[in-house]
Structures are given as C-alpha cells and as structure tokens.
Amino acid sequence: ANVSTTLNETAYIVVGREPEEMYK
C-alpha cells in the first residue's frame, strides 16, 4: 500500500472487509 497525508494528520491503510478479516 502507498498512502499520503500532511504532517500531524492521519493516513489510513484498510485491507479486507468486515465481518471476516479487516485490517486497519
């Protein structure tokens, strides 16, 4: 995964789906 944001802000990586397997 490649994500970007500004300093002091949150970047999210989300993989999978609920209810099986979701990683955030």
PDB file of all heavy atoms in Angstrom:
ATOM      1  N   ALA A   1       0.840  -1.197   0.000  1.00  0.00           N
ATOM      2  CA  ALA A   1       0.000   0.000   0.000  1.00  0.00           C
ATOM      3  C   ALA A   1       0.876   1.248   0.000  1.00  0.00           C
ATOM      4  O   ALA A   1       1.971   1.252   0.569  1.00  0.00           O
ATOM      5  CB  ALA A   1      -0.901   0.003   1.225  1.00  0.00           C
ATOM      6  N   ASN A   2       0.373   2.295  -0.631  1.00  0.00           N
ATOM      7  CA  ASN A   2       1.014   3.608  -0.617  1.00  0.00           C
ATOM      8  C   ASN A   2      -0.045   4.630  -0.234  1.00  0.00           C
ATOM      9  O   ASN A   2      -1.094   4.693  -0.877  1.00  0.00           O
ATOM     10  CB  ASN A   2       1.597   3.943  -1.989  1.00  0.00           C
ATOM     11  CG  ASN A   2       2.737   3.024  -2.345  1.00  0.00           C
ATOM     12  OD1 ASN A   2       3.745   2.996  -1.664  1.00  0.00           O
ATOM     13  ND2 ASN A   2       2.574   2.266  -3.408  1.00  0.00           N
ATOM     14  N   VAL A   3       0.223   5.368   0.840  1.00  0.00           N
ATOM     15  CA  VAL A   3      -0.713   6.385   1.300  1.00  0.00           C
ATOM     16  C   VAL A   3       0.053   7.658   1.613  1.00  0.00           C
ATOM     17  O   VAL A   3       1.256   7.624   1.853  1.00  0.00           O
ATOM     18  CB  VAL A   3      -1.509   5.925   2.556  1.00  0.00           C
ATOM     19  CG1 VAL A   3      -2.407   4.763   2.222  1.00  0.00           C
ATOM     20  CG2 VAL A   3      -0.583   5.582   3.708  1.00  0.00           C
ATOM     21  N   SER A   4      -0.658   8.782   1.602  1.00  0.00           N
ATOM     22  CA  SER A   4      -0.002  10.040   1.957  1.00  0.00           C
ATOM     23  C   SER A   4      -0.982  10.941   2.691  1.00  0.00           C
ATOM     24  O   SER A   4      -2.198  10.794   2.591  1.00  0.00           O
ATOM     25  CB  SER A   4       0.549  10.737   0.716  1.00  0.00           C
ATOM     26  OG  SER A   4      -0.467  11.015  -0.197  1.00  0.00           O
ATOM     27  N   THR A   5      -0.406  11.860   3.435  1.00  0.00           N
ATOM     28  CA  THR A   5      -1.164  12.831   4.216  1.00  0.00           C
ATOM     29  C   THR A   5      -0.221  13.984   4.538  1.00  0.00           C
ATOM     30  O   THR A   5       0.935  13.983   4.119  1.00  0.00           O
ATOM     31  CB  THR A   5      -1.734  12.186   5.501  1.00  0.00           C
ATOM     32  OG1 THR A   5      -2.617  13.102   6.140  1.00  0.00           O
ATOM     33  CG2 THR A   5      -0.644  11.769   6.464  1.00  0.00           C
ATOM     34  N   THR A   6      -0.695  14.951   5.282  1.00  0.00           N
ATOM     35  CA  THR A   6       0.181  16.034   5.730  1.00  0.00           C
ATOM     36  C   THR A   6       0.719  15.680   7.115  1.00  0.00           C
ATOM     37  O   THR A   6       0.185  14.807   7.795  1.00  0.00           O
ATOM     38  CB  THR A   6      -0.568  17.381   5.781  1.00  0.00           C
ATOM     39  OG1 THR A   6      -1.724  17.232   6.595  1.00  0.00           O
ATOM     40  CG2 THR A   6      -0.987  17.827   4.398  1.00  0.00           C
ATOM     41  N   LEU A   7       1.769  16.365   7.514  1.00  0.00           N
ATOM     42  CA  LEU A   7       2.335  16.150   8.846  1.00  0.00           C
ATOM     43  C   LEU A   7       1.252  16.337   9.907  1.00  0.00           C
ATOM     44  O   LEU A   7       0.370  17.188   9.765  1.00  0.00           O
ATOM     45  CB  LEU A   7       3.473  17.135   9.118  1.00  0.00           C
ATOM     46  CG  LEU A   7       4.798  16.811   8.457  1.00  0.00           C
ATOM     47  CD1 LEU A   7       5.739  17.993   8.589  1.00  0.00           C
ATOM     48  CD2 LEU A   7       5.426  15.562   9.050  1.00  0.00           C
ATOM     49  N   ASN A   8       1.297  15.539  10.939  1.00  0.00           N
ATOM     50  CA  ASN A   8       0.389  15.591  12.085  1.00  0.00           C
ATOM     51  C   ASN A   8      -1.051  15.197  11.752  1.00  0.00           C
ATOM     52  O   ASN A   8      -1.937  15.379  12.574  1.00  0.00           O
ATOM     53  CB  ASN A   8       0.405  16.967  12.760  1.00  0.00           C
ATOM     54  CG  ASN A   8       1.802  17.371  13.167  1.00  0.00           C
ATOM     55  OD1 ASN A   8       2.538  16.590  13.759  1.00  0.00           O
ATOM     56  ND2 ASN A   8       2.183  18.582  12.834  1.00  0.00           N
ATOM     57  N   GLU A   9      -1.289  14.691  10.564  1.00  0.00           N
ATOM     58  CA  GLU A   9      -2.615  14.201  10.175  1.00  0.00           C
ATOM     59  C   GLU A   9      -2.546  12.689   9.991  1.00  0.00           C
ATOM     60  O   GLU A   9      -1.477  12.129   9.766  1.00  0.00           O
ATOM     61  CB  GLU A   9      -3.096  14.868   8.882  1.00  0.00           C
ATOM     62  CG  GLU A   9      -3.301  16.363   9.008  1.00  0.00           C
ATOM     63  CD  GLU A   9      -4.442  16.748   9.938  1.00  0.00           C
ATOM     64  OE1 GLU A   9      -5.437  16.014   9.999  1.00  0.00           O
ATOM     65  OE2 GLU A   9      -4.325  17.802  10.600  1.00  0.00           O
ATOM     66  N   THR A  10      -3.692  12.024  10.044  1.00  0.00           N
ATOM     67  CA  THR A  10      -3.737  10.564   9.987  1.00  0.00           C
ATOM     68  C   THR A  10      -3.886  10.055   8.559  1.00  0.00           C
ATOM     69  O   THR A  10      -4.714  10.549   7.797  1.00  0.00           O
ATOM     70  CB  THR A  10      -4.916  10.031  10.823  1.00  0.00           C
ATOM     71  OG1 THR A  10      -4.801  10.548  12.154  1.00  0.00           O
ATOM     72  CG2 THR A  10      -4.916   8.523  10.882  1.00  0.00           C
ATOM     73  N   ALA A  11      -3.052   9.072   8.210  1.00  0.00           N
ATOM     74  CA  ALA A  11      -3.186   8.323   6.952  1.00  0.00           C
ATOM     75  C   ALA A  11      -3.713   6.939   7.328  1.00  0.00           C
ATOM     76  O   ALA A  11      -3.356   6.391   8.373  1.00  0.00           O
ATOM     77  CB  ALA A  11      -1.839   8.199   6.255  1.00  0.00           C
ATOM     78  N   TYR A  12      -4.577   6.386   6.496  1.00  0.00           N
ATOM     79  CA  TYR A  12      -5.198   5.095   6.792  1.00  0.00           C
ATOM     80  C   TYR A  12      -4.873   4.072   5.711  1.00  0.00           C
ATOM     81  O   TYR A  12      -4.916   4.386   4.519  1.00  0.00           O
ATOM     82  CB  TYR A  12      -6.724   5.230   6.850  1.00  0.00           C
ATOM     83  CG  TYR A  12      -7.216   6.140   7.934  1.00  0.00           C
ATOM     84  CD1 TYR A  12      -7.464   7.479   7.671  1.00  0.00           C
ATOM     85  CD2 TYR A  12      -7.430   5.668   9.224  1.00  0.00           C
ATOM     86  CE1 TYR A  12      -7.928   8.332   8.670  1.00  0.00           C
ATOM     87  CE2 TYR A  12      -7.882   6.508  10.223  1.00  0.00           C
ATOM     88  CZ  TYR A  12      -8.129   7.840   9.932  1.00  0.00           C
ATOM     89  OH  TYR A  12      -8.577   8.673  10.923  1.00  0.00           O
ATOM     90  N   ILE A  13      -4.592   2.865   6.151  1.00  0.00           N
ATOM     91  CA  ILE A  13      -4.493   1.718   5.256  1.00  0.00           C
ATOM     92  C   ILE A  13      -5.560   0.754   5.734  1.00  0.00           C
ATOM     93  O   ILE A  13      -5.561   0.344   6.898  1.00  0.00           O
ATOM     94  CB  ILE A  13      -3.105   1.039   5.332  1.00  0.00           C
ATOM     95  CG1 ILE A  13      -2.000   2.017   4.926  1.00  0.00           C
ATOM     96  CG2 ILE A  13      -3.085  -0.221   4.466  1.00  0.00           C
ATOM     97  CD1 ILE A  13      -0.598   1.499   5.187  1.00  0.00           C
ATOM     98  N   VAL A  14      -6.486   0.416   4.845  1.00  0.00           N
ATOM     99  CA  VAL A  14      -7.562  -0.515   5.200  1.00  0.00           C
ATOM    100  C   VAL A  14      -7.539  -1.650   4.187  1.00  0.00           C
ATOM    101  O   VAL A  14      -7.569  -1.424   2.982  1.00  0.00           O
ATOM    102  CB  VAL A  14      -8.940   0.177   5.200  1.00  0.00           C
ATOM    103  CG1 VAL A  14     -10.036  -0.808   5.567  1.00  0.00           C
ATOM    104  CG2 VAL A  14      -8.939   1.362   6.152  1.00  0.00           C
ATOM    105  N   VAL A  15      -7.471  -2.881   4.709  1.00  0.00           N
ATOM    106  CA  VAL A  15      -7.422  -4.057   3.861  1.00  0.00           C
ATOM    107  C   VAL A  15      -8.442  -5.062   4.369  1.00  0.00           C
ATOM    108  O   VAL A  15      -8.527  -5.316   5.572  1.00  0.00           O
ATOM    109  CB  VAL A  15      -6.017  -4.699   3.894  1.00  0.00           C
ATOM    110  CG1 VAL A  15      -5.964  -5.941   3.025  1.00  0.00           C
ATOM    111  CG2 VAL A  15      -4.959  -3.710   3.469  1.00  0.00           C
ATOM    112  N   GLY A  16      -9.214  -5.624   3.466  1.00  0.00           N
ATOM    113  CA  GLY A  16     -10.195  -6.638   3.834  1.00  0.00           C
ATOM    114  C   GLY A  16     -11.561  -6.030   4.072  1.00  0.00           C
ATOM    115  O   GLY A  16     -11.795  -4.853   3.813  1.00  0.00           O
ATOM    116  N   ARG A  17     -12.470  -6.892   4.562  1.00  0.00           N
ATOM    117  CA  ARG A  17     -13.843  -6.465   4.816  1.00  0.00           C
ATOM    118  C   ARG A  17     -14.343  -7.061   6.117  1.00  0.00           C
ATOM    119  O   ARG A  17     -13.936  -8.155   6.503  1.00  0.00           O
ATOM    120  CB  ARG A  17     -14.773  -6.974   3.724  1.00  0.00           C
ATOM    121  CG  ARG A  17     -14.709  -6.216   2.466  1.00  0.00           C
ATOM    122  CD  ARG A  17     -15.794  -6.705   1.585  1.00  0.00           C
ATOM    123  NE  ARG A  17     -15.182  -7.653   0.658  1.00  0.00           N
ATOM    124  CZ  ARG A  17     -15.807  -8.213  -0.329  1.00  0.00           C
ATOM    125  NH1 ARG A  17     -17.067  -7.986  -0.513  1.00  0.00           N
ATOM    126  NH2 ARG A  17     -15.186  -9.023  -1.139  1.00  0.00           N
ATOM    127  N   GLU A  18     -15.264  -6.321   6.716  1.00  0.00           N
ATOM    128  CA  GLU A  18     -15.956  -6.868   7.873  1.00  0.00           C
ATOM    129  C   GLU A  18     -17.033  -7.809   7.369  1.00  0.00           C
ATOM    130  O   GLU A  18     -17.540  -7.608   6.272  1.00  0.00           O
ATOM    131  CB  GLU A  18     -16.613  -5.744   8.672  1.00  0.00           C
ATOM    132  CG  GLU A  18     -15.645  -4.939   9.474  1.00  0.00           C
ATOM    133  CD  GLU A  18     -16.366  -3.957  10.364  1.00  0.00           C
ATOM    134  OE1 GLU A  18     -16.810  -2.916   9.857  1.00  0.00           O
ATOM    135  OE2 GLU A  18     -16.487  -4.268  11.554  1.00  0.00           O
ATOM    136  N   PRO A  19     -17.462  -8.770   8.057  1.00  0.00           N
ATOM    137  CA  PRO A  19     -17.039  -9.191   9.387  1.00  0.00           C
ATOM    138  C   PRO A  19     -15.910 -10.208   9.363  1.00  0.00           C
ATOM    139  O   PRO A  19     -15.463 -10.659  10.408  1.00  0.00           O
ATOM    140  CB  PRO A  19     -18.309  -9.798   9.968  1.00  0.00           C
ATOM    141  CG  PRO A  19     -18.969 -10.436   8.799  1.00  0.00           C
ATOM    142  CD  PRO A  19     -18.637  -9.530   7.622  1.00  0.00           C
ATOM    143  N   GLU A  20     -15.441 -10.613   8.155  1.00  0.00           N
ATOM    144  CA  GLU A  20     -14.433 -11.662   8.081  1.00  0.00           C
ATOM    145  C   GLU A  20     -13.080 -11.241   8.642  1.00  0.00           C
ATOM    146  O   GLU A  20     -12.716 -11.587   9.750  1.00  0.00           O
ATOM    147  CB  GLU A  20     -14.284 -12.143   6.635  1.00  0.00           C
ATOM    148  CG  GLU A  20     -15.514 -12.792   6.074  1.00  0.00           C
ATOM    149  CD  GLU A  20     -15.943 -12.174   4.772  1.00  0.00           C
ATOM    150  OE1 GLU A  20     -15.117 -11.515   4.110  1.00  0.00           O
ATOM    151  OE2 GLU A  20     -17.114 -12.325   4.418  1.00  0.00           O
ATOM    152  N   GLU A  21     -12.323 -10.502   7.841  1.00  0.00           N
ATOM    153  CA  GLU A  21     -10.997 -10.038   8.251  1.00  0.00           C
ATOM    154  C   GLU A  21     -10.793  -8.630   7.734  1.00  0.00           C
ATOM    155  O   GLU A  21     -10.669  -8.428   6.531  1.00  0.00           O
ATOM    156  CB  GLU A  21      -9.896 -10.926   7.659  1.00  0.00           C
ATOM    157  CG  GLU A  21      -9.665 -12.204   8.373  1.00  0.00           C
ATOM    158  CD  GLU A  21      -8.437 -12.915   7.816  1.00  0.00           C
ATOM    159  OE1 GLU A  21      -7.946 -12.567   6.731  1.00  0.00           O
ATOM    160  OE2 GLU A  21      -7.969 -13.834   8.481  1.00  0.00           O
ATOM    161  N   MET A  22     -10.769  -7.681   8.626  1.00  0.00           N
ATOM    162  CA  MET A  22     -10.492  -6.312   8.224  1.00  0.00           C
ATOM    163  C   MET A  22      -9.329  -5.784   9.058  1.00  0.00           C
ATOM    164  O   MET A  22      -9.374  -5.793  10.284  1.00  0.00           O
ATOM    165  CB  MET A  22     -11.692  -5.402   8.410  1.00  0.00           C
ATOM    166  CG  MET A  22     -11.430  -4.021   7.815  1.00  0.00           C
ATOM    167  SD  MET A  22     -12.824  -2.911   7.929  1.00  0.00           S
ATOM    168  CE  MET A  22     -12.564  -2.255   9.553  1.00  0.00           C
ATOM    169  N   TYR A  23      -8.282  -5.381   8.361  1.00  0.00           N
ATOM    170  CA  TYR A  23      -7.125  -4.777   9.000  1.00  0.00           C
ATOM    171  C   TYR A  23      -7.165  -3.283   8.700  1.00  0.00           C
ATOM    172  O   TYR A  23      -7.343  -2.882   7.559  1.00  0.00           O
ATOM    173  CB  TYR A  23      -5.823  -5.351   8.439  1.00  0.00           C
ATOM    174  CG  TYR A  23      -5.699  -6.842   8.560  1.00  0.00           C
ATOM    175  CD1 TYR A  23      -6.041  -7.686   7.503  1.00  0.00           C
ATOM    176  CD2 TYR A  23      -5.239  -7.406   9.731  1.00  0.00           C
ATOM    177  CE1 TYR A  23      -5.912  -9.047   7.614  1.00  0.00           C
ATOM    178  CE2 TYR A  23      -5.103  -8.786   9.849  1.00  0.00           C
ATOM    179  CZ  TYR A  23      -5.443  -9.592   8.784  1.00  0.00           C
ATOM    180  OH  TYR A  23      -5.317 -10.945   8.899  1.00  0.00           O
ATOM    181  N   LYS A  24      -6.985  -2.478   9.718  1.00  0.00           N
ATOM    182  CA  LYS A  24      -6.892  -1.025   9.534  1.00  0.00           C
ATOM    183  C   LYS A  24      -5.655  -0.546  10.273  1.00  0.00           C
ATOM    184  O   LYS A  24      -5.422  -0.921  11.418  1.00  0.00           O
ATOM    185  CB  LYS A  24      -8.126  -0.324  10.091  1.00  0.00           C
ATOM    186  CG  LYS A  24      -8.096   1.185   9.868  1.00  0.00           C
ATOM    187  CD  LYS A  24      -9.445   1.810  10.153  1.00  0.00           C
ATOM    188  CE  LYS A  24      -9.416   2.521  11.460  1.00  0.00           C
ATOM    189  NZ  LYS A  24     -10.664   3.222  11.764  1.00  0.00           N
TER     190      LYS A  24
END
